[in-house]
Every structure is written in structure tokens, then in C-alpha cells.
């Protein structure tokens, strides 16, 4: 197995690049089908979702738009539990079909806040698309219509996800290993 060291932690490949690309393709096909005849606005949550959002957007064949929002809830390897909006939504969402594009849904608290915030702007509908979901860690009920993969509660990096801002550039997804 391929390993990388980031700061004080060692990570090992857990999801190869080819599998990630295939799972993104499947999600894109479902969105293409479900959103035919609509012009959804993808709201990509920075920083982590930028790689996933770019790959997903390139696989969509329907008319669509993209914008970005930045929320913060992590420090190191754990969620702080405090979510602060850093960069807001500038688009008019009234009557729009919105798809939130997230890298990972962990506890679901960040996503719940995001859905509630968007809901105050009168969209036609709000959908959740996440590269990764940790179902055993969810603390709130969410309808994640477009989940590329369900994973265990391990801490991961790569494909846009980071450990203290390191590892986002890795094309695979890596899981932290105990040494």
C-alpha cells in the first residue's frame, strides 16, 4: 500500500483514484437524469469540495451553474462543533434548484446549517451531493440524494480533503494509520 506522511501523521491509500472517478461518474449520471430540463445551481463548499466539484461539473451534461461558499468546522482531525460562514452566497436563489456539493458529510451539522441557510432564500428545491458520507457519525437526519461513497469513521485526506491544509493535492483518498 502506498503511504504518505503529512505533518505528524501517516496515511495509507484507502480509495484509489480510478474508484473515485467511477463513483463521481455514477453520481453525475444520476444528477443528469434527475435534473434534466432544469438549470441547477451547484453550491460547492470550500475548501474541501473543489476537486470533487470540478470533476463532477465536467461530467454533467445538463445546463448548470456553479458558485462557492466557505464554511469552517474542522481543526486538525476533529470537528470543532462551531460552524462559521466565511464566504456567503451572493446569487439570488429564489425559484432556483440548488445542489449543495460537499466533500464529506460527517456529523451532518454543517450540512444542516447550510440547508437551513439556503432555505431562507426561497429556492425551488435544495439537494445534497457529497463525495463521502460517514453514516455512523451522522447526528442529524439529512436526505443526501447524491452520495458517491459511504465510508467508516476514519480520518481521511486527499482528493481535496486535508489535514491542516496538507494533502488536498493527492489524487487518491488516504486513511490515517496508527504507527
C-alpha atoms as a PDB file:
ATOM      1  CA  UNK A   1       0.000   0.000   0.000  1.00  0.00           C
ATOM      2  CA  UNK A   2       1.149   3.491  -0.805  1.00  0.00           C
ATOM      3  CA  UNK A   3       1.767   5.668   2.262  1.00  0.00           C
ATOM      4  CA  UNK A   4       2.339   9.384   2.753  1.00  0.00           C
ATOM      5  CA  UNK A   5       3.403  11.380   5.780  1.00  0.00           C
ATOM      6  CA  UNK A   6       1.661  14.704   6.393  1.00  0.00           C
ATOM      7  CA  UNK A   7       2.893  16.601   9.410  1.00  0.00           C
ATOM      8  CA  UNK A   8       2.838  14.225  12.368  1.00  0.00           C
ATOM      9  CA  UNK A   9       0.528  11.621  10.772  1.00  0.00           C
ATOM     10  CA  UNK A  10       0.942   8.767   8.303  1.00  0.00           C
ATOM     11  CA  UNK A  11      -1.790   7.933   5.796  1.00  0.00           C
ATOM     12  CA  UNK A  12      -2.364   4.918   3.552  1.00  0.00           C
ATOM     13  CA  UNK A  13      -4.387   4.729   0.309  1.00  0.00           C
ATOM     14  CA  UNK A  14      -7.921   3.559   1.046  1.00  0.00           C
ATOM     15  CA  UNK A  15      -9.772   4.610  -2.127  1.00  0.00           C
ATOM     16  CA  UNK A  16      -7.823   4.561  -5.401  1.00  0.00           C
ATOM     17  CA  UNK A  17      -8.198   7.325  -7.976  1.00  0.00           C
ATOM     18  CA  UNK A  18      -9.967   5.080 -10.521  1.00  0.00           C
ATOM     19  CA  UNK A  19     -12.669   4.155  -7.990  1.00  0.00           C
ATOM     20  CA  UNK A  20     -13.211   7.813  -7.061  1.00  0.00           C
ATOM     21  CA  UNK A  21     -13.597   8.789 -10.740  1.00  0.00           C
ATOM     22  CA  UNK A  22     -16.096   5.953 -11.316  1.00  0.00           C
ATOM     23  CA  UNK A  23     -18.190   6.931  -8.278  1.00  0.00           C
ATOM     24  CA  UNK A  24     -18.205  10.594  -9.386  1.00  0.00           C
ATOM     25  CA  UNK A  25     -19.349   9.483 -12.859  1.00  0.00           C
ATOM     26  CA  UNK A  26     -22.255   7.497 -11.369  1.00  0.00           C
ATOM     27  CA  UNK A  27     -23.370  10.495  -9.279  1.00  0.00           C
ATOM     28  CA  UNK A  28     -23.105  12.793 -12.318  1.00  0.00           C
ATOM     29  CA  UNK A  29     -25.277  10.427 -14.371  1.00  0.00           C
ATOM     30  CA  UNK A  30     -27.936  10.426 -11.635  1.00  0.00           C
ATOM     31  CA  UNK A  31     -27.896  14.234 -11.473  1.00  0.00           C
ATOM     32  CA  UNK A  32     -28.067  14.441 -15.292  1.00  0.00           C
ATOM     33  CA  UNK A  33     -31.156  12.211 -15.185  1.00  0.00           C
ATOM     34  CA  UNK A  34     -32.880  13.815 -12.187  1.00  0.00           C
ATOM     35  CA  UNK A  35     -32.186  17.411 -13.214  1.00  0.00           C
ATOM     36  CA  UNK A  36     -32.995  17.114 -16.939  1.00  0.00           C
ATOM     37  CA  UNK A  37     -34.829  20.255 -18.051  1.00  0.00           C
ATOM     38  CA  UNK A  38     -33.612  22.260 -15.053  1.00  0.00           C
ATOM     39  CA  UNK A  39     -30.650  24.582 -14.685  1.00  0.00           C
ATOM     40  CA  UNK A  40     -29.397  23.729 -11.190  1.00  0.00           C
ATOM     41  CA  UNK A  41     -27.007  25.924  -9.274  1.00  0.00           C
ATOM     42  CA  UNK A  42     -24.229  23.879  -7.712  1.00  0.00           C
ATOM     43  CA  UNK A  43     -23.030  25.444  -4.458  1.00  0.00           C
ATOM     44  CA  UNK A  44     -19.630  23.933  -3.752  1.00  0.00           C
ATOM     45  CA  UNK A  45     -18.467  24.124  -0.149  1.00  0.00           C
ATOM     46  CA  UNK A  46     -14.840  25.259   0.032  1.00  0.00           C
ATOM     47  CA  UNK A  47     -12.118  24.293   0.556  1.00  0.00           C
ATOM     48  CA  UNK A  48     -12.575  20.546   0.522  1.00  0.00           C
ATOM     49  CA  UNK A  49     -15.079  20.077  -2.288  1.00  0.00           C
ATOM     50  CA  UNK A  50     -13.223  21.994  -5.002  1.00  0.00           C
ATOM     51  CA  UNK A  51     -11.664  18.888  -6.630  1.00  0.00           C
ATOM     52  CA  UNK A  52     -14.905  16.884  -6.447  1.00  0.00           C
ATOM     53  CA  UNK A  53     -16.964  19.857  -7.690  1.00  0.00           C
ATOM     54  CA  UNK A  54     -14.639  20.376 -10.674  1.00  0.00           C
ATOM     55  CA  UNK A  55     -14.723  16.703 -11.676  1.00  0.00           C
ATOM     56  CA  UNK A  56     -18.484  16.476 -11.134  1.00  0.00           C
ATOM     57  CA  UNK A  57     -19.186  19.644 -13.127  1.00  0.00           C
ATOM     58  CA  UNK A  58     -17.173  18.364 -16.091  1.00  0.00           C
ATOM     59  CA  UNK A  59     -19.275  15.177 -16.127  1.00  0.00           C
ATOM     60  CA  UNK A  60     -22.623  16.986 -16.094  1.00  0.00           C
ATOM     61  CA  UNK A  61     -24.267  17.236 -19.499  1.00  0.00           C
ATOM     62  CA  UNK A  62     -27.229  19.361 -18.396  1.00  0.00           C
ATOM     63  CA  UNK A  63     -27.200  23.160 -18.258  1.00  0.00           C
ATOM     64  CA  UNK A  64     -25.923  24.143 -14.803  1.00  0.00           C
ATOM     65  CA  UNK A  65     -24.075  26.865 -12.925  1.00  0.00           C
ATOM     66  CA  UNK A  66     -21.615  26.797 -10.039  1.00  0.00           C
ATOM     67  CA  UNK A  67     -20.804  29.077  -7.152  1.00  0.00           C
ATOM     68  CA  UNK A  68     -18.869  28.646  -3.916  1.00  0.00           C
ATOM     69  CA  UNK A  69     -19.473  29.060  -0.212  1.00  0.00           C
ATOM     70  CA  UNK A  70     -16.938  28.597   2.547  1.00  0.00           C
ATOM     71  CA  UNK A  71     -17.816  27.195   5.954  1.00  0.00           C
ATOM     72  CA  UNK A  72     -15.389  26.187   8.673  1.00  0.00           C
ATOM     73  CA  UNK A  73     -15.945  23.466  11.283  1.00  0.00           C
ATOM     74  CA  UNK A  74     -12.700  21.478  11.444  1.00  0.00           C
ATOM     75  CA  UNK A  75      -9.429  21.973  13.260  1.00  0.00           C
ATOM     76  CA  UNK A  76      -6.788  19.318  12.778  1.00  0.00           C
ATOM     77  CA  UNK A  77      -8.574  15.944  12.709  1.00  0.00           C
ATOM     78  CA  UNK A  78     -11.696  16.816  14.695  1.00  0.00           C
ATOM     79  CA  UNK A  79     -14.771  18.933  14.163  1.00  0.00           C
ATOM     80  CA  UNK A  80     -14.876  21.960  16.428  1.00  0.00           C
ATOM     81  CA  UNK A  81     -18.668  21.803  16.530  1.00  0.00           C
ATOM     82  CA  UNK A  82     -18.720  25.535  15.797  1.00  0.00           C
ATOM     83  CA  UNK A  83     -19.613  26.391  12.233  1.00  0.00           C
ATOM     84  CA  UNK A  84     -18.837  29.847  10.895  1.00  0.00           C
ATOM     85  CA  UNK A  85     -19.764  31.120   7.458  1.00  0.00           C
ATOM     86  CA  UNK A  86     -16.661  32.710   5.953  1.00  0.00           C
ATOM     87  CA  UNK A  87     -17.788  33.475   2.409  1.00  0.00           C
ATOM     88  CA  UNK A  88     -21.514  33.859   1.796  1.00  0.00           C
ATOM     89  CA  UNK A  89     -23.891  33.152  -1.046  1.00  0.00           C
ATOM     90  CA  UNK A  90     -24.169  36.051  -3.490  1.00  0.00           C
ATOM     91  CA  UNK A  91     -26.615  34.549  -6.014  1.00  0.00           C
ATOM     92  CA  UNK A  92     -30.366  35.085  -5.962  1.00  0.00           C
ATOM     93  CA  UNK A  93     -31.718  31.624  -5.074  1.00  0.00           C
ATOM     94  CA  UNK A  94     -35.422  32.434  -5.423  1.00  0.00           C
ATOM     95  CA  UNK A  95     -37.052  29.723  -7.510  1.00  0.00           C
ATOM     96  CA  UNK A  96     -33.703  28.009  -8.213  1.00  0.00           C
ATOM     97  CA  UNK A  97     -32.876  24.325  -7.940  1.00  0.00           C
ATOM     98  CA  UNK A  98     -29.816  24.216  -5.689  1.00  0.00           C
ATOM     99  CA  UNK A  99     -27.416  21.309  -5.285  1.00  0.00           C
ATOM    100  CA  UNK A 100     -25.007  21.658  -2.371  1.00  0.00           C
ATOM    101  CA  UNK A 101     -21.716  19.958  -3.312  1.00  0.00           C
ATOM    102  CA  UNK A 102     -19.734  18.829  -0.272  1.00  0.00           C
ATOM    103  CA  UNK A 103     -16.579  16.763   0.098  1.00  0.00           C
ATOM    104  CA  UNK A 104     -17.707  14.865   3.188  1.00  0.00           C
ATOM    105  CA  UNK A 105     -20.735  14.708   5.454  1.00  0.00           C
ATOM    106  CA  UNK A 106     -19.535  13.699   8.890  1.00  0.00           C
ATOM    107  CA  UNK A 107     -21.849  14.705  11.760  1.00  0.00           C
ATOM    108  CA  UNK A 108     -24.182  16.476   9.329  1.00  0.00           C
ATOM    109  CA  UNK A 109     -24.256  19.642  11.436  1.00  0.00           C
ATOM    110  CA  UNK A 110     -22.511  21.769   8.798  1.00  0.00           C
ATOM    111  CA  UNK A 111     -24.842  20.495   6.090  1.00  0.00           C
ATOM    112  CA  UNK A 112     -27.932  21.053   8.239  1.00  0.00           C
ATOM    113  CA  UNK A 113     -26.894  24.664   8.779  1.00  0.00           C
ATOM    114  CA  UNK A 114     -26.215  25.101   5.077  1.00  0.00           C
ATOM    115  CA  UNK A 115     -29.631  23.673   4.083  1.00  0.00           C
ATOM    116  CA  UNK A 116     -31.371  25.919   6.637  1.00  0.00           C
ATOM    117  CA  UNK A 117     -29.473  28.987   5.406  1.00  0.00           C
ATOM    118  CA  UNK A 118     -30.325  28.293   1.767  1.00  0.00           C
ATOM    119  CA  UNK A 119     -33.964  27.597   2.671  1.00  0.00           C
ATOM    120  CA  UNK A 120     -34.400  31.197   3.840  1.00  0.00           C
ATOM    121  CA  UNK A 121     -33.658  32.369   0.277  1.00  0.00           C
ATOM    122  CA  UNK A 122     -36.761  30.726  -1.284  1.00  0.00           C
ATOM    123  CA  UNK A 123     -35.189  28.143  -3.607  1.00  0.00           C
ATOM    124  CA  UNK A 124     -37.451  25.822  -5.598  1.00  0.00           C
ATOM    125  CA  UNK A 125     -35.581  22.878  -4.070  1.00  0.00           C
ATOM    126  CA  UNK A 126     -32.353  22.042  -2.238  1.00  0.00           C
ATOM    127  CA  UNK A 127     -30.431  18.816  -2.836  1.00  0.00           C
ATOM    128  CA  UNK A 128     -27.306  17.423  -1.190  1.00  0.00           C
ATOM    129  CA  UNK A 129     -24.426  15.892  -3.139  1.00  0.00           C
ATOM    130  CA  UNK A 130     -21.451  14.591  -1.190  1.00  0.00           C
ATOM    131  CA  UNK A 131     -18.394  12.686  -2.288  1.00  0.00           C
ATOM    132  CA  UNK A 132     -18.214  10.908   1.069  1.00  0.00           C
ATOM    133  CA  UNK A 133     -20.696  10.191   3.863  1.00  0.00           C
ATOM    134  CA  UNK A 134     -19.918   8.768   7.301  1.00  0.00           C
ATOM    135  CA  UNK A 135     -23.341   7.261   8.148  1.00  0.00           C
ATOM    136  CA  UNK A 136     -22.274   6.039  11.610  1.00  0.00           C
ATOM    137  CA  UNK A 137     -21.310   9.568  12.627  1.00  0.00           C
ATOM    138  CA  UNK A 138     -24.424  11.439  11.450  1.00  0.00           C
ATOM    139  CA  UNK A 139     -26.115  13.334  14.267  1.00  0.00           C
ATOM    140  CA  UNK A 140     -28.963  14.838  12.234  1.00  0.00           C
ATOM    141  CA  UNK A 141     -31.436  13.489   9.704  1.00  0.00           C
ATOM    142  CA  UNK A 142     -30.398  14.508   6.182  1.00  0.00           C
ATOM    143  CA  UNK A 143     -31.622  13.485   2.752  1.00  0.00           C
ATOM    144  CA  UNK A 144     -28.319  13.014   0.926  1.00  0.00           C
ATOM    145  CA  UNK A 145     -29.661  12.196  -2.533  1.00  0.00           C
ATOM    146  CA  UNK A 146     -26.294  12.109  -4.260  1.00  0.00           C
ATOM    147  CA  UNK A 147     -23.692  10.301  -2.160  1.00  0.00           C
ATOM    148  CA  UNK A 148     -20.754   8.907  -4.095  1.00  0.00           C
ATOM    149  CA  UNK A 149     -19.445   6.714  -1.246  1.00  0.00           C
ATOM    150  CA  UNK A 150     -20.193   5.707   2.338  1.00  0.00           C
ATOM    151  CA  UNK A 151     -17.078   5.310   4.462  1.00  0.00           C
ATOM    152  CA  UNK A 152     -16.187   4.352   8.060  1.00  0.00           C
ATOM    153  CA  UNK A 153     -15.380   6.932  10.734  1.00  0.00           C
ATOM    154  CA  UNK A 154     -11.658   7.058   9.915  1.00  0.00           C
ATOM    155  CA  UNK A 155      -9.901  10.376   9.323  1.00  0.00           C
ATOM    156  CA  UNK A 156      -9.039  10.786   5.644  1.00  0.00           C
ATOM    157  CA  UNK A 157      -7.155  13.107   3.290  1.00  0.00           C
ATOM    158  CA  UNK A 158      -6.694  13.517  -0.445  1.00  0.00           C
ATOM    159  CA  UNK A 159      -8.863  14.467  -3.415  1.00  0.00           C
ATOM    160  CA  UNK A 160      -9.455  17.893  -1.883  1.00  0.00           C
ATOM    161  CA  UNK A 161      -9.661  16.820   1.772  1.00  0.00           C
ATOM    162  CA  UNK A 162      -6.867  17.928   4.075  1.00  0.00           C
ATOM    163  CA  UNK A 163      -5.026  17.504   7.322  1.00  0.00           C
ATOM    164  CA  UNK A 164      -4.091  21.012   8.491  1.00  0.00           C
ATOM    165  CA  UNK A 165      -4.235  22.181   4.837  1.00  0.00           C
ATOM    166  CA  UNK A 166      -1.931  19.374   3.637  1.00  0.00           C
ATOM    167  CA  UNK A 167      -2.811  16.533   1.275  1.00  0.00           C
ATOM    168  CA  UNK A 168      -5.555  18.201  -0.796  1.00  0.00           C
ATOM    169  CA  UNK A 169      -3.495  17.589  -3.949  1.00  0.00           C
ATOM    170  CA  UNK A 170      -3.369  13.801  -3.563  1.00  0.00           C
ATOM    171  CA  UNK A 171      -5.394  12.058  -6.324  1.00  0.00           C
ATOM    172  CA  UNK A 172      -6.385   9.138  -4.080  1.00  0.00           C
ATOM    173  CA  UNK A 173      -8.111   9.137  -0.708  1.00  0.00           C
ATOM    174  CA  UNK A 174      -5.888   8.147   2.209  1.00  0.00           C
ATOM    175  CA  UNK A 175      -6.823   6.963   5.699  1.00  0.00           C
ATOM    176  CA  UNK A 176      -4.777   7.767   8.771  1.00  0.00           C
ATOM    177  CA  UNK A 177      -2.852   4.771  10.125  1.00  0.00           C
ATOM    178  CA  UNK A 178      -1.665   4.111  13.664  1.00  0.00           C
ATOM    179  CA  UNK A 179       2.061   3.579  13.959  1.00  0.00           C
END
